[in-house]
Amino acid sequence: MKLNYFLKRLSTVGRWVAATLFCLMAIAFVWQGAFFSDNTAMANPAANLIASKDAGDQVKEKTREDAGRAKNFIRDTADKVEEAARSNASKVDRATDGDNFIERKAKDDAALIHKRAEEDAARTQKAVDNTKNAVERTVENIKDAFSN
């Protein structure tokens, strides 16, 4: 019976030692990171500011370029949707004879698709512009923070 009591106490002490050792290692790791970090960027911030201004200009230029590409893609997609609607309406027109309900419905649907494609394209292009402007404002704010 005394052996179990002794092993139980030894196990408890072992857990405490392991927890203490873990905490000390964590403290040493944090401490080592704080004192041995790379401080070269803080020694000469002027070189980094020039690089950050160039990087900011590059980001803004890339944002403008990508926004232009996205807007062209949106416009091309809207044009293709409108062309498909016109094509379908003309196929229905050729397939039916005279002015009947199906032909009128196909023309109305083509007009509705054209209208919705234009609205969706305009809304999406506006969202692209808003995103581009937000990125440019963020870059300007970051550049301003580094220049002060």
C-alpha atoms as a PDB file:
ATOM      1  CA  MET A   1       0.000   0.000   0.000  1.00  0.00           C
ATOM      2  CA  LYS A   2       2.814   2.400   0.758  1.00  0.00           C
ATOM      3  CA  LEU A   3       4.245   1.846  -2.711  1.00  0.00           C
ATOM      4  CA  ASN A   4       1.087   3.161  -4.388  1.00  0.00           C
ATOM      5  CA  TYR A   5       1.028   6.185  -2.095  1.00  0.00           C
ATOM      6  CA  PHE A   6       4.679   6.900  -2.937  1.00  0.00           C
ATOM      7  CA  LEU A   7       4.083   6.535  -6.722  1.00  0.00           C
ATOM      8  CA  LYS A   8       1.017   8.781  -6.546  1.00  0.00           C
ATOM      9  CA  ARG A   9       3.035  11.543  -4.879  1.00  0.00           C
ATOM     10  CA  LEU A  10       5.918  11.062  -7.312  1.00  0.00           C
ATOM     11  CA  SER A  11       3.507  11.391 -10.257  1.00  0.00           C
ATOM     12  CA  THR A  12       2.064  14.628  -8.823  1.00  0.00           C
ATOM     13  CA  VAL A  13       5.539  16.086  -8.329  1.00  0.00           C
ATOM     14  CA  GLY A  14       6.495  15.027 -11.849  1.00  0.00           C
ATOM     15  CA  ARG A  15       3.515  16.866 -13.330  1.00  0.00           C
ATOM     16  CA  TRP A  16       4.419  20.011 -11.402  1.00  0.00           C
ATOM     17  CA  VAL A  17       8.037  19.784 -12.569  1.00  0.00           C
ATOM     18  CA  ALA A  18       6.919  19.279 -16.192  1.00  0.00           C
ATOM     19  CA  ALA A  19       4.520  22.251 -16.031  1.00  0.00           C
ATOM     20  CA  THR A  20       7.196  24.466 -14.465  1.00  0.00           C
ATOM     21  CA  LEU A  21       9.749  23.421 -17.059  1.00  0.00           C
ATOM     22  CA  PHE A  22       7.267  24.124 -19.863  1.00  0.00           C
ATOM     23  CA  CYS A  23       6.526  27.608 -18.481  1.00  0.00           C
ATOM     24  CA  LEU A  24      10.220  28.411 -18.101  1.00  0.00           C
ATOM     25  CA  MET A  25      10.892  27.300 -21.668  1.00  0.00           C
ATOM     26  CA  ALA A  26       8.018  29.473 -22.935  1.00  0.00           C
ATOM     27  CA  ILE A  27       9.355  32.489 -21.030  1.00  0.00           C
ATOM     28  CA  ALA A  28      12.877  31.854 -22.366  1.00  0.00           C
ATOM     29  CA  PHE A  29      11.553  31.569 -25.929  1.00  0.00           C
ATOM     30  CA  VAL A  30       9.673  34.867 -25.679  1.00  0.00           C
ATOM     31  CA  TRP A  31      12.602  36.578 -23.991  1.00  0.00           C
ATOM     32  CA  GLN A  32      15.074  35.332 -26.605  1.00  0.00           C
ATOM     33  CA  GLY A  33      12.832  36.581 -29.399  1.00  0.00           C
ATOM     34  CA  ALA A  34      12.581  40.028 -27.856  1.00  0.00           C
ATOM     35  CA  PHE A  35      16.321  40.548 -27.336  1.00  0.00           C
ATOM     36  CA  PHE A  36      17.659  38.927 -30.479  1.00  0.00           C
ATOM     37  CA  SER A  37      15.275  40.326 -33.061  1.00  0.00           C
ATOM     38  CA  ASP A  38      16.608  41.946 -36.220  1.00  0.00           C
ATOM     39  CA  ASN A  39      16.758  45.687 -35.564  1.00  0.00           C
ATOM     40  CA  THR A  40      18.464  46.688 -38.826  1.00  0.00           C
ATOM     41  CA  ALA A  41      15.246  48.117 -40.255  1.00  0.00           C
ATOM     42  CA  MET A  42      14.983  50.499 -37.311  1.00  0.00           C
ATOM     43  CA  ALA A  43      18.568  51.668 -37.686  1.00  0.00           C
ATOM     44  CA  ASN A  44      18.056  53.370 -41.039  1.00  0.00           C
ATOM     45  CA  PRO A  45      14.382  53.976 -41.802  1.00  0.00           C
ATOM     46  CA  ALA A  46      15.106  56.285 -44.772  1.00  0.00           C
ATOM     47  CA  ALA A  47      16.087  53.402 -47.050  1.00  0.00           C
ATOM     48  CA  ASN A  48      12.929  51.545 -46.138  1.00  0.00           C
ATOM     49  CA  LEU A  49      10.733  54.572 -46.767  1.00  0.00           C
ATOM     50  CA  ILE A  50      12.022  54.926 -50.310  1.00  0.00           C
ATOM     51  CA  ALA A  51      11.328  51.266 -50.922  1.00  0.00           C
ATOM     52  CA  SER A  52       7.861  51.544 -49.404  1.00  0.00           C
ATOM     53  CA  LYS A  53       7.022  54.553 -51.588  1.00  0.00           C
ATOM     54  CA  ASP A  54       8.117  52.649 -54.672  1.00  0.00           C
ATOM     55  CA  ALA A  55       6.173  49.607 -53.522  1.00  0.00           C
ATOM     56  CA  GLY A  56       3.117  51.781 -52.878  1.00  0.00           C
ATOM     57  CA  ASP A  57       3.306  53.229 -56.365  1.00  0.00           C
ATOM     58  CA  GLN A  58       3.711  49.747 -57.802  1.00  0.00           C
ATOM     59  CA  VAL A  59       0.677  48.516 -55.871  1.00  0.00           C
ATOM     60  CA  LYS A  60      -1.409  51.456 -57.052  1.00  0.00           C
ATOM     61  CA  GLU A  61      -0.336  50.952 -60.677  1.00  0.00           C
ATOM     62  CA  LYS A  62      -1.056  47.234 -60.502  1.00  0.00           C
ATOM     63  CA  THR A  63      -4.445  47.959 -58.947  1.00  0.00           C
ATOM     64  CA  ARG A  64      -5.329  50.359 -61.767  1.00  0.00           C
ATOM     65  CA  GLU A  65      -4.175  47.874 -64.384  1.00  0.00           C
ATOM     66  CA  ASP A  66      -6.134  44.990 -62.855  1.00  0.00           C
ATOM     67  CA  ALA A  67      -9.229  47.133 -62.405  1.00  0.00           C
ATOM     68  CA  GLY A  68      -9.092  48.069 -66.094  1.00  0.00           C
ATOM     69  CA  ARG A  69      -8.783  44.420 -67.058  1.00  0.00           C
ATOM     70  CA  ALA A  70     -11.669  43.456 -64.793  1.00  0.00           C
ATOM     71  CA  LYS A  71     -13.884  46.189 -66.231  1.00  0.00           C
ATOM     72  CA  ASN A  72     -13.060  45.075 -69.788  1.00  0.00           C
ATOM     73  CA  PHE A  73     -13.882  41.484 -68.844  1.00  0.00           C
ATOM     74  CA  ILE A  74     -17.196  42.606 -67.325  1.00  0.00           C
ATOM     75  CA  ARG A  75     -18.063  44.602 -70.445  1.00  0.00           C
ATOM     76  CA  ASP A  76     -17.161  41.655 -72.725  1.00  0.00           C
ATOM     77  CA  THR A  77     -19.296  39.300 -70.648  1.00  0.00           C
ATOM     78  CA  ALA A  78     -22.275  41.671 -70.768  1.00  0.00           C
ATOM     79  CA  ASP A  79     -21.880  41.980 -74.537  1.00  0.00           C
ATOM     80  CA  LYS A  80     -21.816  38.197 -74.930  1.00  0.00           C
ATOM     81  CA  VAL A  81     -24.958  37.813 -72.808  1.00  0.00           C
ATOM     82  CA  GLU A  82     -26.734  40.467 -74.869  1.00  0.00           C
ATOM     83  CA  GLU A  83     -25.612  38.834 -78.131  1.00  0.00           C
ATOM     84  CA  ALA A  84     -26.895  35.459 -76.933  1.00  0.00           C
ATOM     85  CA  ALA A  85     -30.269  36.985 -76.059  1.00  0.00           C
ATOM     86  CA  ARG A  86     -30.515  38.668 -79.482  1.00  0.00           C
ATOM     87  CA  SER A  87     -29.503  35.439 -81.183  1.00  0.00           C
ATOM     88  CA  ASN A  88     -32.120  33.434 -79.321  1.00  0.00           C
ATOM     89  CA  ALA A  89     -34.807  35.999 -80.100  1.00  0.00           C
ATOM     90  CA  SER A  90     -33.931  35.953 -83.802  1.00  0.00           C
ATOM     91  CA  LYS A  91     -34.016  32.124 -83.832  1.00  0.00           C
ATOM     92  CA  VAL A  92     -37.503  32.208 -82.326  1.00  0.00           C
ATOM     93  CA  ASP A  93     -38.498  34.854 -84.881  1.00  0.00           C
ATOM     94  CA  ARG A  94     -37.295  32.670 -87.752  1.00  0.00           C
ATOM     95  CA  ALA A  95     -38.960  29.565 -86.307  1.00  0.00           C
ATOM     96  CA  THR A  96     -42.377  31.153 -85.919  1.00  0.00           C
ATOM     97  CA  ASP A  97     -44.473  32.698 -88.617  1.00  0.00           C
ATOM     98  CA  GLY A  98     -46.167  35.976 -88.026  1.00  0.00           C
ATOM     99  CA  ASP A  99     -46.650  37.951 -84.838  1.00  0.00           C
ATOM    100  CA  ASN A 100     -47.600  35.455 -82.174  1.00  0.00           C
ATOM    101  CA  PHE A 101     -47.273  35.159 -78.420  1.00  0.00           C
ATOM    102  CA  ILE A 102     -44.051  33.121 -78.431  1.00  0.00           C
ATOM    103  CA  GLU A 103     -42.269  35.606 -80.695  1.00  0.00           C
ATOM    104  CA  ARG A 104     -43.336  38.571 -78.570  1.00  0.00           C
ATOM    105  CA  LYS A 105     -42.273  36.725 -75.402  1.00  0.00           C
ATOM    106  CA  ALA A 106     -38.839  35.980 -76.907  1.00  0.00           C
ATOM    107  CA  LYS A 107     -38.368  39.647 -77.855  1.00  0.00           C
ATOM    108  CA  ASP A 108     -39.488  40.801 -74.416  1.00  0.00           C
ATOM    109  CA  ASP A 109     -37.122  38.331 -72.778  1.00  0.00           C
ATOM    110  CA  ALA A 110     -34.263  39.524 -74.986  1.00  0.00           C
ATOM    111  CA  ALA A 111     -34.979  43.142 -74.006  1.00  0.00           C
ATOM    112  CA  LEU A 112     -35.139  42.194 -70.325  1.00  0.00           C
ATOM    113  CA  ILE A 113     -31.875  40.243 -70.555  1.00  0.00           C
ATOM    114  CA  HIS A 114     -30.220  43.200 -72.295  1.00  0.00           C
ATOM    115  CA  LYS A 115     -31.438  45.586 -69.585  1.00  0.00           C
ATOM    116  CA  ARG A 116     -30.349  43.317 -66.731  1.00  0.00           C
ATOM    117  CA  ALA A 117     -26.945  42.672 -68.331  1.00  0.00           C
ATOM    118  CA  GLU A 118     -26.346  46.428 -68.585  1.00  0.00           C
ATOM    119  CA  GLU A 119     -27.433  46.992 -64.978  1.00  0.00           C
ATOM    120  CA  ASP A 120     -25.323  44.123 -63.670  1.00  0.00           C
ATOM    121  CA  ALA A 121     -22.296  45.252 -65.663  1.00  0.00           C
ATOM    122  CA  ALA A 122     -22.627  48.823 -64.398  1.00  0.00           C
ATOM    123  CA  ARG A 123     -23.055  47.658 -60.791  1.00  0.00           C
ATOM    124  CA  THR A 124     -20.073  45.307 -61.023  1.00  0.00           C
ATOM    125  CA  GLN A 125     -17.873  47.955 -62.632  1.00  0.00           C
ATOM    126  CA  LYS A 126     -18.826  50.367 -59.861  1.00  0.00           C
ATOM    127  CA  ALA A 127     -17.817  47.735 -57.291  1.00  0.00           C
ATOM    128  CA  VAL A 128     -14.469  47.295 -59.073  1.00  0.00           C
ATOM    129  CA  ASP A 129     -13.926  51.063 -58.964  1.00  0.00           C
ATOM    130  CA  ASN A 130     -14.819  51.180 -55.261  1.00  0.00           C
ATOM    131  CA  THR A 131     -12.384  48.374 -54.515  1.00  0.00           C
ATOM    132  CA  LYS A 132      -9.637  50.049 -56.539  1.00  0.00           C
ATOM    133  CA  ASN A 133     -10.230  53.343 -54.711  1.00  0.00           C
ATOM    134  CA  ALA A 134     -10.168  51.604 -51.326  1.00  0.00           C
ATOM    135  CA  VAL A 135      -6.835  49.953 -52.140  1.00  0.00           C
ATOM    136  CA  GLU A 136      -5.373  53.255 -53.326  1.00  0.00           C
ATOM    137  CA  ARG A 137      -6.579  55.039 -50.176  1.00  0.00           C
ATOM    138  CA  THR A 138      -5.064  52.311 -48.019  1.00  0.00           C
ATOM    139  CA  VAL A 139      -1.739  52.582 -49.826  1.00  0.00           C
ATOM    140  CA  GLU A 140      -1.767  56.368 -49.402  1.00  0.00           C
ATOM    141  CA  ASN A 141      -2.539  56.024 -45.689  1.00  0.00           C
ATOM    142  CA  ILE A 142       0.328  53.571 -45.256  1.00  0.00           C
ATOM    143  CA  LYS A 143       2.698  55.883 -47.151  1.00  0.00           C
ATOM    144  CA  ASP A 144       1.580  58.801 -44.996  1.00  0.00           C
ATOM    145  CA  ALA A 145       2.163  56.775 -41.831  1.00  0.00           C
ATOM    146  CA  PHE A 146       5.712  55.938 -42.948  1.00  0.00           C
ATOM    147  CA  SER A 147       6.494  59.506 -43.979  1.00  0.00           C
ATOM    148  CA  ASN A 148       5.636  60.925 -40.535  1.00  0.00           C
END
